[in-house]
Amino acid sequence: MTEMVSDLAAERNKGEKPAFRLVWIFYILLGLFLVGVIAFATLRPILVLPRITLAPGFSLTDQDGNRLTNEDMRGKITLYNFTHATCAPPCPQTSLVMKEVQDRLPEIDTAGLPVELVTISIDPDHDTPQVLRAYAESVGADLDTWHFATGPLERLRWVIGGGFGFYFDHKDDGRIVFDPGFMLVDGLGILRAEYRTAAPDTDRILEGIQLIADEVQNSDGANKVAYEAAHLFMCYPRG
């Protein structure tokens, strides 16, 4: 009888050891994973811009009277701003920032990925294609890559107010008020950075464009996992 009890205990111990080992293996692997997560988040070997939300679709008319849509920006990095041709100080002069970005684009290497600028006018009654073209020339725009466009007021409210989340309004006294800012959108139409000020640091905008270009160029194959991990652990540039 004693031998039978001993045999049963031995069999039970044999069954417990593999299960015990599996538990320890699980905790070891979990610990290694957590160490890796902390190291990745701390060392930040890859920096990315966050994927904020899907940018709004639009169909507008540009300075040449042609249709300009969000699909025309597909496969390109695009920086948007919002203003109007009669915007004079103290109206925020956001087109000056766009001009500086345009002039400094050669400083960064996008590996051939196109970068476009789009200025959307919030004064469609006044800013006809002819007016927009004259305004573009006055600010020194290269119209091969910098587009000026507008459309019906209600459509603009949907795109700028509803889609990009920027306030603007036409007052009864004729004034146009708006919140200045810039939106950076990647080639998939995803909003990647918001600069909600009239005078953001141009270096930060260029850095954002460079980060998107680097991600497009380098996130193939095994590197894609690393970039997805950077998004998961929020390895974003510090402001």
Protein backbone atom coordinates (compact mmCIF):
# COMPACT_ATOMS: atom_id res chain seq x y z
CA MET A 1 0.00 0.00 0.00
CA THR A 2 2.83 2.34 0.95
CA GLU A 3 4.59 1.58 -2.33
CA MET A 4 1.40 2.38 -4.26
CA VAL A 5 1.06 5.78 -2.55
CA SER A 6 4.70 6.53 -3.28
CA ASP A 7 4.23 5.63 -6.93
CA LEU A 8 1.19 7.88 -7.21
CA ALA A 9 3.08 10.77 -5.61
CA ALA A 10 5.98 10.26 -7.98
CA GLU A 11 3.67 10.28 -10.99
CA ARG A 12 2.02 13.44 -9.72
CA ASN A 13 5.40 15.13 -9.30
CA LYS A 14 6.35 14.14 -12.82
CA GLY A 15 3.20 15.79 -14.11
CA GLU A 16 3.79 18.94 -12.09
CA LYS A 17 7.37 19.53 -13.26
CA PRO A 18 6.56 20.17 -16.97
CA ALA A 19 3.71 22.48 -16.02
CA PHE A 20 5.98 24.26 -13.52
CA ARG A 21 8.62 24.71 -16.22
CA LEU A 22 6.04 26.12 -18.66
CA VAL A 23 4.95 28.70 -16.09
CA TRP A 24 8.54 29.80 -15.54
CA ILE A 25 9.23 29.93 -19.27
CA PHE A 26 6.13 32.10 -19.70
CA TYR A 27 7.27 34.54 -17.00
CA ILE A 28 10.81 34.66 -18.38
CA LEU A 29 9.54 35.43 -21.87
CA LEU A 30 7.14 38.02 -20.48
CA GLY A 31 9.99 39.63 -18.56
CA LEU A 32 12.18 39.74 -21.65
CA PHE A 33 9.33 41.30 -23.61
CA LEU A 34 8.78 43.97 -20.97
CA VAL A 35 12.49 44.73 -20.82
CA GLY A 36 12.48 45.06 -24.61
CA VAL A 37 9.47 47.38 -24.49
CA ILE A 38 11.08 49.61 -21.86
CA ALA A 39 14.38 49.66 -23.74
CA PHE A 40 12.66 50.50 -27.05
CA ALA A 41 10.57 53.25 -25.49
CA THR A 42 13.58 54.66 -23.61
CA LEU A 43 16.28 54.40 -26.27
CA ARG A 44 13.85 55.26 -29.10
CA PRO A 45 16.01 53.77 -31.87
CA ILE A 46 13.44 54.84 -34.48
CA LEU A 47 11.43 58.06 -34.37
CA VAL A 48 8.12 58.40 -36.22
CA LEU A 49 5.32 60.92 -36.49
CA PRO A 50 2.02 59.75 -35.01
CA ARG A 51 -0.81 58.58 -37.22
CA ILE A 52 -3.36 61.08 -35.96
CA THR A 53 -6.39 60.51 -38.18
CA LEU A 54 -7.47 60.27 -41.79
CA ALA A 55 -7.25 63.68 -43.46
CA PRO A 56 -10.47 64.92 -45.10
CA GLY A 57 -11.22 64.42 -48.75
CA PHE A 58 -11.82 67.51 -50.87
CA SER A 59 -12.50 68.74 -54.38
CA LEU A 60 -11.55 72.37 -54.97
CA THR A 61 -10.58 74.72 -57.82
CA ASP A 62 -6.96 75.84 -58.09
CA GLN A 63 -5.25 79.02 -59.36
CA ASP A 64 -5.47 77.76 -62.95
CA GLY A 65 -9.17 76.95 -62.77
CA ASN A 66 -8.44 73.22 -62.59
CA ARG A 67 -9.90 70.75 -60.14
CA LEU A 68 -7.62 69.90 -57.22
CA THR A 69 -8.53 66.94 -54.99
CA ASN A 70 -7.00 65.05 -52.12
CA GLU A 71 -6.40 62.18 -54.55
CA ASP A 72 -3.98 64.42 -56.45
CA MET A 73 -1.88 64.38 -53.29
CA ARG A 74 -1.84 60.59 -53.07
CA GLY A 75 1.73 59.29 -52.79
CA LYS A 76 3.04 62.72 -51.80
CA ILE A 77 3.81 64.42 -48.51
CA THR A 78 1.56 67.49 -48.30
CA LEU A 79 1.64 70.54 -46.06
CA TYR A 80 -1.62 72.54 -45.86
CA ASN A 81 -2.35 76.03 -44.61
CA PHE A 82 -5.48 78.21 -44.65
CA THR A 83 -5.67 81.92 -45.42
CA HIS A 84 -7.03 84.35 -48.04
CA ALA A 85 -5.54 86.73 -50.59
CA THR A 86 -6.49 89.92 -48.76
CA CYS A 87 -5.02 88.75 -45.46
CA ALA A 88 -2.92 91.71 -44.27
CA PRO A 89 -1.41 92.29 -40.81
CA PRO A 90 -2.57 91.78 -38.13
CA CYS A 91 -4.09 88.87 -40.06
CA PRO A 92 -1.74 85.88 -39.51
CA GLN A 93 0.78 85.70 -42.35
CA THR A 94 0.97 81.90 -42.65
CA SER A 95 2.02 81.98 -46.30
CA LEU A 96 5.38 83.36 -45.21
CA VAL A 97 5.97 80.11 -43.34
CA MET A 98 4.94 78.11 -46.41
CA LYS A 99 7.42 80.12 -48.49
CA GLU A 100 10.21 79.37 -46.03
CA VAL A 101 9.36 75.67 -46.11
CA GLN A 102 9.35 75.76 -49.91
CA ASP A 103 12.76 77.44 -50.02
CA ARG A 104 14.29 75.05 -47.49
CA LEU A 105 13.03 71.76 -48.92
CA PRO A 106 16.37 71.15 -50.68
CA GLU A 107 17.93 70.87 -47.20
CA ILE A 108 16.27 67.49 -46.63
CA ASP A 109 16.52 64.20 -48.51
CA THR A 110 13.17 62.63 -49.32
CA ALA A 111 14.71 60.04 -51.66
CA GLY A 112 12.55 61.24 -54.52
CA LEU A 113 9.27 61.27 -52.55
CA PRO A 114 7.38 64.39 -53.75
CA VAL A 115 6.51 67.13 -51.29
CA GLU A 116 3.60 69.44 -52.14
CA LEU A 117 2.23 72.58 -50.49
CA VAL A 118 -1.47 73.45 -50.59
CA THR A 119 -2.90 76.80 -49.51
CA ILE A 120 -6.68 76.74 -49.17
CA SER A 121 -8.41 80.12 -49.38
CA ILE A 122 -11.28 80.74 -46.97
CA ASP A 123 -12.62 83.64 -49.07
CA PRO A 124 -14.10 81.98 -52.18
CA ASP A 125 -16.24 84.99 -53.17
CA HIS A 126 -13.17 87.17 -53.66
CA ASP A 127 -10.41 84.65 -54.37
CA THR A 128 -11.10 83.62 -57.95
CA PRO A 129 -8.47 81.57 -59.80
CA GLN A 130 -7.03 84.80 -61.22
CA VAL A 131 -6.78 86.36 -57.76
CA LEU A 132 -5.20 83.20 -56.35
CA ARG A 133 -2.61 83.15 -59.13
CA ALA A 134 -1.70 86.78 -58.47
CA TYR A 135 -1.48 86.07 -54.75
CA ALA A 136 0.74 83.03 -55.42
CA GLU A 137 3.10 85.18 -57.48
CA SER A 138 3.17 87.86 -54.79
CA VAL A 139 4.38 85.39 -52.15
CA GLY A 140 6.96 83.79 -54.45
CA ALA A 141 5.27 80.43 -54.84
CA ASP A 142 6.62 77.75 -57.16
CA LEU A 143 3.36 76.65 -58.74
CA ASP A 144 4.82 73.33 -59.81
CA THR A 145 4.60 72.16 -56.20
CA TRP A 146 2.63 74.84 -54.32
CA HIS A 147 -1.09 74.93 -55.09
CA PHE A 148 -3.66 77.59 -54.20
CA ALA A 149 -7.28 76.48 -54.17
CA THR A 150 -10.74 77.28 -52.90
CA GLY A 151 -14.33 76.15 -53.27
CA PRO A 152 -17.90 76.77 -52.08
CA LEU A 153 -18.04 78.15 -48.55
CA GLU A 154 -20.01 75.22 -47.13
CA ARG A 155 -17.53 72.78 -48.61
CA LEU A 156 -14.69 74.75 -47.05
CA ARG A 157 -16.42 74.60 -43.70
CA TRP A 158 -16.64 70.83 -44.02
CA VAL A 159 -13.03 70.40 -45.12
CA ILE A 160 -11.30 72.95 -42.90
CA GLY A 161 -13.64 73.09 -39.92
CA GLY A 162 -14.98 69.56 -39.85
CA GLY A 163 -12.06 67.70 -41.40
CA PHE A 164 -8.95 69.52 -40.21
CA GLY A 165 -10.56 71.04 -37.12
CA PHE A 166 -9.65 74.69 -37.79
CA TYR A 167 -12.07 77.50 -36.99
CA PHE A 168 -12.83 80.30 -39.46
CA ASP A 169 -15.76 82.67 -39.86
CA HIS A 170 -17.00 85.52 -42.03
CA LYS A 171 -18.22 88.37 -39.81
CA ASP A 172 -21.12 90.69 -40.66
CA ASP A 173 -18.72 93.63 -40.93
CA GLY A 174 -16.76 91.85 -43.68
CA ARG A 175 -13.88 90.65 -41.55
CA ILE A 176 -12.64 87.08 -41.92
CA VAL A 177 -11.29 85.55 -38.74
CA PHE A 178 -9.54 82.22 -38.51
CA ASP A 179 -7.25 80.10 -36.39
CA PRO A 180 -3.86 79.88 -38.11
CA GLY A 181 -2.11 76.58 -38.50
CA PHE A 182 -0.57 73.94 -40.72
CA MET A 183 -1.41 70.30 -41.36
CA LEU A 184 1.13 67.69 -42.51
CA VAL A 185 -0.38 64.71 -44.36
CA ASP A 186 1.43 61.64 -45.69
CA GLY A 187 1.02 59.92 -49.04
CA LEU A 188 -1.71 57.64 -47.72
CA GLY A 189 -3.85 60.62 -46.74
CA ILE A 190 -3.16 60.25 -43.01
CA LEU A 191 -2.70 63.36 -40.87
CA ARG A 192 0.73 63.06 -39.25
CA ALA A 193 1.40 66.45 -37.61
CA GLU A 194 -0.50 69.57 -36.57
CA TYR A 195 1.12 72.96 -36.08
CA ARG A 196 -1.60 75.10 -34.54
CA THR A 197 0.17 78.43 -34.56
CA ALA A 198 0.80 81.24 -37.02
CA ALA A 199 4.58 80.88 -36.77
CA PRO A 200 5.71 77.32 -36.10
CA ASP A 201 9.38 76.39 -36.03
CA THR A 202 10.21 75.67 -39.66
CA ASP A 203 12.89 73.23 -38.51
CA ARG A 204 10.18 71.13 -36.86
CA ILE A 205 8.12 71.06 -40.04
CA LEU A 206 11.14 69.99 -42.09
CA GLU A 207 11.98 67.37 -39.48
CA GLY A 208 8.43 66.03 -39.77
CA ILE A 209 8.67 65.81 -43.55
CA GLN A 210 12.02 64.01 -43.22
CA LEU A 211 10.62 61.49 -40.72
CA ILE A 212 7.74 60.60 -43.03
CA ALA A 213 10.12 60.23 -45.97
CA ASP A 214 12.45 58.02 -43.91
CA GLU A 215 9.55 55.82 -42.84
CA VAL A 216 8.36 55.36 -46.42
CA GLN A 217 11.87 54.55 -47.60
CA ASN A 218 12.92 52.25 -44.76
CA SER A 219 9.81 50.44 -43.51
CA ASP A 220 10.02 47.46 -45.86
CA GLY A 221 10.47 43.82 -44.90
CA ALA A 222 11.82 43.25 -41.39
CA ASN A 223 12.17 47.00 -40.83
CA LYS A 224 8.40 47.34 -41.03
CA VAL A 225 8.12 45.53 -37.69
CA ALA A 226 10.50 48.04 -36.10
CA TYR A 227 8.49 50.99 -37.45
CA GLU A 228 5.22 49.49 -36.25
CA ALA A 229 6.84 49.01 -32.85
CA ALA A 230 7.86 52.66 -32.86
CA HIS A 231 4.21 53.62 -33.47
CA LEU A 232 3.04 51.17 -30.80
CA PHE A 233 5.45 52.52 -28.17
CA MET A 234 4.95 56.14 -29.27
CA CYS A 235 8.53 56.92 -30.25
CA TYR A 236 7.61 60.43 -31.34
CA PRO A 237 9.87 63.49 -31.56
CA ARG A 238 9.87 65.56 -28.41
CA GLY A 239 8.51 69.06 -28.89
